[in-house]
C-alpha atoms as a PDB file:
ATOM      1  CA  MET A   1      28.822 -11.397 -14.685  1.00  0.00           C
ATOM      2  CA  TYR A   2      30.572  -8.508 -12.952  1.00  0.00           C
ATOM      3  CA  LEU A   3      27.654  -6.458 -11.654  1.00  0.00           C
ATOM      4  CA  THR A   4      29.783  -3.715 -10.124  1.00  0.00           C
ATOM      5  CA  THR A   5      31.185  -2.681 -13.495  1.00  0.00           C
ATOM      6  CA  MET A   6      27.897  -2.489 -15.326  1.00  0.00           C
ATOM      7  CA  THR A   7      25.780   0.555 -16.095  1.00  0.00           C
ATOM      8  CA  HIS A   8      22.609  -1.207 -14.946  1.00  0.00           C
ATOM      9  CA  ARG A   9      24.180  -2.858 -11.895  1.00  0.00           C
ATOM     10  CA  ASP A  10      21.312  -1.919  -9.549  1.00  0.00           C
ATOM     11  CA  GLU A  11      18.663  -3.419 -11.814  1.00  0.00           C
ATOM     12  CA  LEU A  12      20.768  -6.538 -12.395  1.00  0.00           C
ATOM     13  CA  PHE A  13      21.454  -6.887  -8.685  1.00  0.00           C
ATOM     14  CA  ASP A  14      17.713  -6.727  -7.963  1.00  0.00           C
ATOM     15  CA  LEU A  15      17.030  -9.363 -10.637  1.00  0.00           C
ATOM     16  CA  ALA A  16      19.756 -11.654  -9.300  1.00  0.00           C
ATOM     17  CA  LEU A  17      18.508 -11.227  -5.736  1.00  0.00           C
ATOM     18  CA  ARG A  18      14.959 -12.107  -6.767  1.00  0.00           C
ATOM     19  CA  TRP A  19      16.157 -15.134  -8.739  1.00  0.00           C
ATOM     20  CA  LEU A  20      18.175 -16.390  -5.783  1.00  0.00           C
ATOM     21  CA  ASN A  21      14.902 -16.262  -3.839  1.00  0.00           C
ATOM     22  CA  ASP A  22      13.033 -18.219  -6.556  1.00  0.00           C
ATOM     23  CA  ASP A  23      11.107 -15.129  -7.635  1.00  0.00           C
ATOM     24  CA  VAL A  24      11.265 -15.034 -11.432  1.00  0.00           C
ATOM     25  CA  ALA A  25       8.981 -12.542 -13.201  1.00  0.00           C
ATOM     26  CA  PRO A  26       7.626 -12.931 -16.759  1.00  0.00           C
ATOM     27  CA  GLY A  27       9.437  -9.802 -18.006  1.00  0.00           C
ATOM     28  CA  ASP A  28      12.871 -10.771 -16.667  1.00  0.00           C
ATOM     29  CA  GLY A  29      14.080 -12.283 -19.940  1.00  0.00           C
ATOM     30  CA  ARG A  30      13.235  -9.118 -21.846  1.00  0.00           C
ATOM     31  CA  ALA A  31      14.869  -6.971 -19.153  1.00  0.00           C
ATOM     32  CA  ILE A  32      18.101  -8.997 -19.281  1.00  0.00           C
ATOM     33  CA  THR A  33      18.202  -8.809 -23.071  1.00  0.00           C
ATOM     34  CA  ARG A  34      17.632  -5.044 -23.016  1.00  0.00           C
ATOM     35  CA  ILE A  35      20.283  -4.481 -20.360  1.00  0.00           C
ATOM     36  CA  PHE A  36      22.984  -6.518 -22.092  1.00  0.00           C
ATOM     37  CA  LEU A  37      22.298  -5.026 -25.520  1.00  0.00           C
ATOM     38  CA  TYR A  38      22.476  -1.528 -24.069  1.00  0.00           C
ATOM     39  CA  GLU A  39      25.533  -2.394 -21.980  1.00  0.00           C
ATOM     40  CA  SER A  40      27.427  -3.643 -25.039  1.00  0.00           C
ATOM     41  CA  ALA A  41      26.640  -0.493 -26.990  1.00  0.00           C
ATOM     42  CA  VAL A  42      27.561   1.860 -24.139  1.00  0.00           C
ATOM     43  CA  SER A  43      30.715  -0.033 -23.192  1.00  0.00           C
ATOM     44  CA  ALA A  44      32.083  -0.029 -26.736  1.00  0.00           C
ATOM     45  CA  VAL A  45      31.594   3.727 -27.094  1.00  0.00           C
ATOM     46  CA  VAL A  46      33.107   4.516 -23.691  1.00  0.00           C
ATOM     47  CA  VAL A  47      36.132   2.281 -24.301  1.00  0.00           C
ATOM     48  CA  ASN A  48      36.778   3.872 -27.703  1.00  0.00           C
ATOM     49  CA  LEU A  49      36.452   7.396 -26.266  1.00  0.00           C
ATOM     50  CA  MET A  50      38.883   6.577 -23.463  1.00  0.00           C
ATOM     51  CA  ILE A  51      41.405   5.030 -25.850  1.00  0.00           C
ATOM     52  CA  ASP A  52      41.254   8.112 -28.081  1.00  0.00           C
ATOM     53  CA  PHE A  53      41.599  10.413 -25.069  1.00  0.00           C
ATOM     54  CA  LEU A  54      44.564   8.506 -23.634  1.00  0.00           C
ATOM     55  CA  ASN A  55      46.285   8.254 -27.032  1.00  0.00           C
ATOM     56  CA  GLY A  56      46.116  12.045 -27.263  1.00  0.00           C
ATOM     57  CA  LEU A  57      47.199  12.537 -23.672  1.00  0.00           C
ATOM     58  CA  PHE A  58      50.252  10.276 -23.971  1.00  0.00           C
ATOM     59  CA  ASN A  59      51.173  11.145 -27.584  1.00  0.00           C
ATOM     60  CA  GLY A  60      50.975   7.810 -29.274  1.00  0.00           C
ATOM     61  CA  PRO A  61      49.247   4.548 -29.749  1.00  0.00           C
ATOM     62  CA  LEU A  62      48.720   2.720 -26.493  1.00  0.00           C
ATOM     63  CA  GLN A  63      49.355  -0.970 -26.111  1.00  0.00           C
ATOM     64  CA  LEU A  64      46.123  -2.710 -25.118  1.00  0.00           C
ATOM     65  CA  GLU A  65      45.919  -6.021 -23.297  1.00  0.00           C
ATOM     66  CA  ARG A  66      42.775  -7.815 -22.097  1.00  0.00           C
ATOM     67  CA  ILE A  67      43.190  -8.976 -18.505  1.00  0.00           C
ATOM     68  CA  ARG A  68      40.924 -11.637 -17.008  1.00  0.00           C
ATOM     69  CA  GLN A  69      42.311 -12.188 -13.483  1.00  0.00           C
ATOM     70  CA  LYS A  70      43.032  -9.753 -10.672  1.00  0.00           C
ATOM     71  CA  GLN A  71      46.472 -11.239 -10.057  1.00  0.00           C
ATOM     72  CA  VAL A  72      47.578 -10.381 -13.599  1.00  0.00           C
ATOM     73  CA  LEU A  73      46.291  -6.823 -13.202  1.00  0.00           C
ATOM     74  CA  ARG A  74      48.121  -6.410  -9.895  1.00  0.00           C
ATOM     75  CA  ARG A  75      51.358  -7.696 -11.411  1.00  0.00           C
ATOM     76  CA  ARG A  76      51.046  -5.231 -14.321  1.00  0.00           C
ATOM     77  CA  LEU A  77      50.428  -2.354 -11.922  1.00  0.00           C
ATOM     78  CA  ILE A  78      53.468  -3.332  -9.859  1.00  0.00           C
ATOM     79  CA  GLN A  79      55.589  -3.779 -12.988  1.00  0.00           C
ATOM     80  CA  TYR A  80      54.849  -0.288 -14.310  1.00  0.00           C
ATOM     81  CA  LEU A  81      54.568   1.626 -11.033  1.00  0.00           C
ATOM     82  CA  PRO A  82      56.625   4.803 -11.570  1.00  0.00           C
ATOM     83  CA  GLN A  83      57.214   5.416  -7.852  1.00  0.00           C
ATOM     84  CA  SER A  84      55.922   4.060  -4.573  1.00  0.00           C
ATOM     85  CA  GLY A  85      55.601   5.192  -1.002  1.00  0.00           C
ATOM     86  CA  GLU A  86      56.079   3.135   2.131  1.00  0.00           C
ATOM     87  CA  ARG A  87      52.473   1.888   2.232  1.00  0.00           C
ATOM     88  CA  VAL A  88      52.575   0.798  -1.412  1.00  0.00           C
ATOM     89  CA  ARG A  89      55.825  -1.090  -0.780  1.00  0.00           C
ATOM     90  CA  GLN A  90      54.203  -2.806   2.229  1.00  0.00           C
ATOM     91  CA  LEU A  91      51.213  -3.891   0.144  1.00  0.00           C
ATOM     92  CA  ILE A  92      53.438  -5.142  -2.668  1.00  0.00           C
ATOM     93  CA  GLY A  93      55.492  -7.120  -0.158  1.00  0.00           C
ATOM     94  CA  GLN A  94      52.365  -8.633   1.354  1.00  0.00           C
ATOM     95  CA  PHE A  95      51.059  -9.499  -2.110  1.00  0.00           C
ATOM     96  CA  GLU A  96      54.344 -11.166  -3.054  1.00  0.00           C
ATOM     97  CA  ARG A  97      54.476 -13.157   0.210  1.00  0.00           C
ATOM     98  CA  ASP A  98      50.813 -14.238   0.256  1.00  0.00           C
ATOM     99  CA  PRO A  99      49.003 -13.668  -3.061  1.00  0.00           C
ATOM    100  CA  GLU A 100      46.101 -15.923  -1.952  1.00  0.00           C
ATOM    101  CA  TYR A 101      45.116 -13.266   0.593  1.00  0.00           C
ATOM    102  CA  PHE A 102      44.261 -10.987  -2.338  1.00  0.00           C
ATOM    103  CA  PHE A 103      42.053 -13.506  -4.229  1.00  0.00           C
ATOM    104  CA  PRO A 104      44.448 -13.828  -7.197  1.00  0.00           C
ATOM    105  CA  ARG A 105      42.158 -15.794  -9.507  1.00  0.00           C
ATOM    106  CA  LEU A 106      39.155 -13.537  -9.044  1.00  0.00           C
ATOM    107  CA  PRO A 107      37.797 -12.893 -12.542  1.00  0.00           C
ATOM    108  CA  ILE A 108      37.764  -9.371 -13.920  1.00  0.00           C
ATOM    109  CA  ASP A 109      37.310  -7.800 -17.306  1.00  0.00           C
ATOM    110  CA  ALA A 110      39.945  -5.094 -17.563  1.00  0.00           C
END
């Protein structure tokens, strides 16, 4: 679960914090169900709106790819970077020399 990317991240964070402290409330199951149902509905609409917007902005169908690890996302960003300054080149060099420093297998949903 990636709490930082969710619409209800504060409520989910509070639930998770309580659960980690062995404080489970009777309504937690209903709250989780409500949050994830709502999140799915909102996420689908937002993704579709953004795809439509970007297709119009860039004049054509975009190529979509589901990315599950930060390392893959970083490599895609580096691969398609149109230009880079000195700091960006330093970060890319550091990433290439020591990818473990950047938590390469950290899961994401991008």
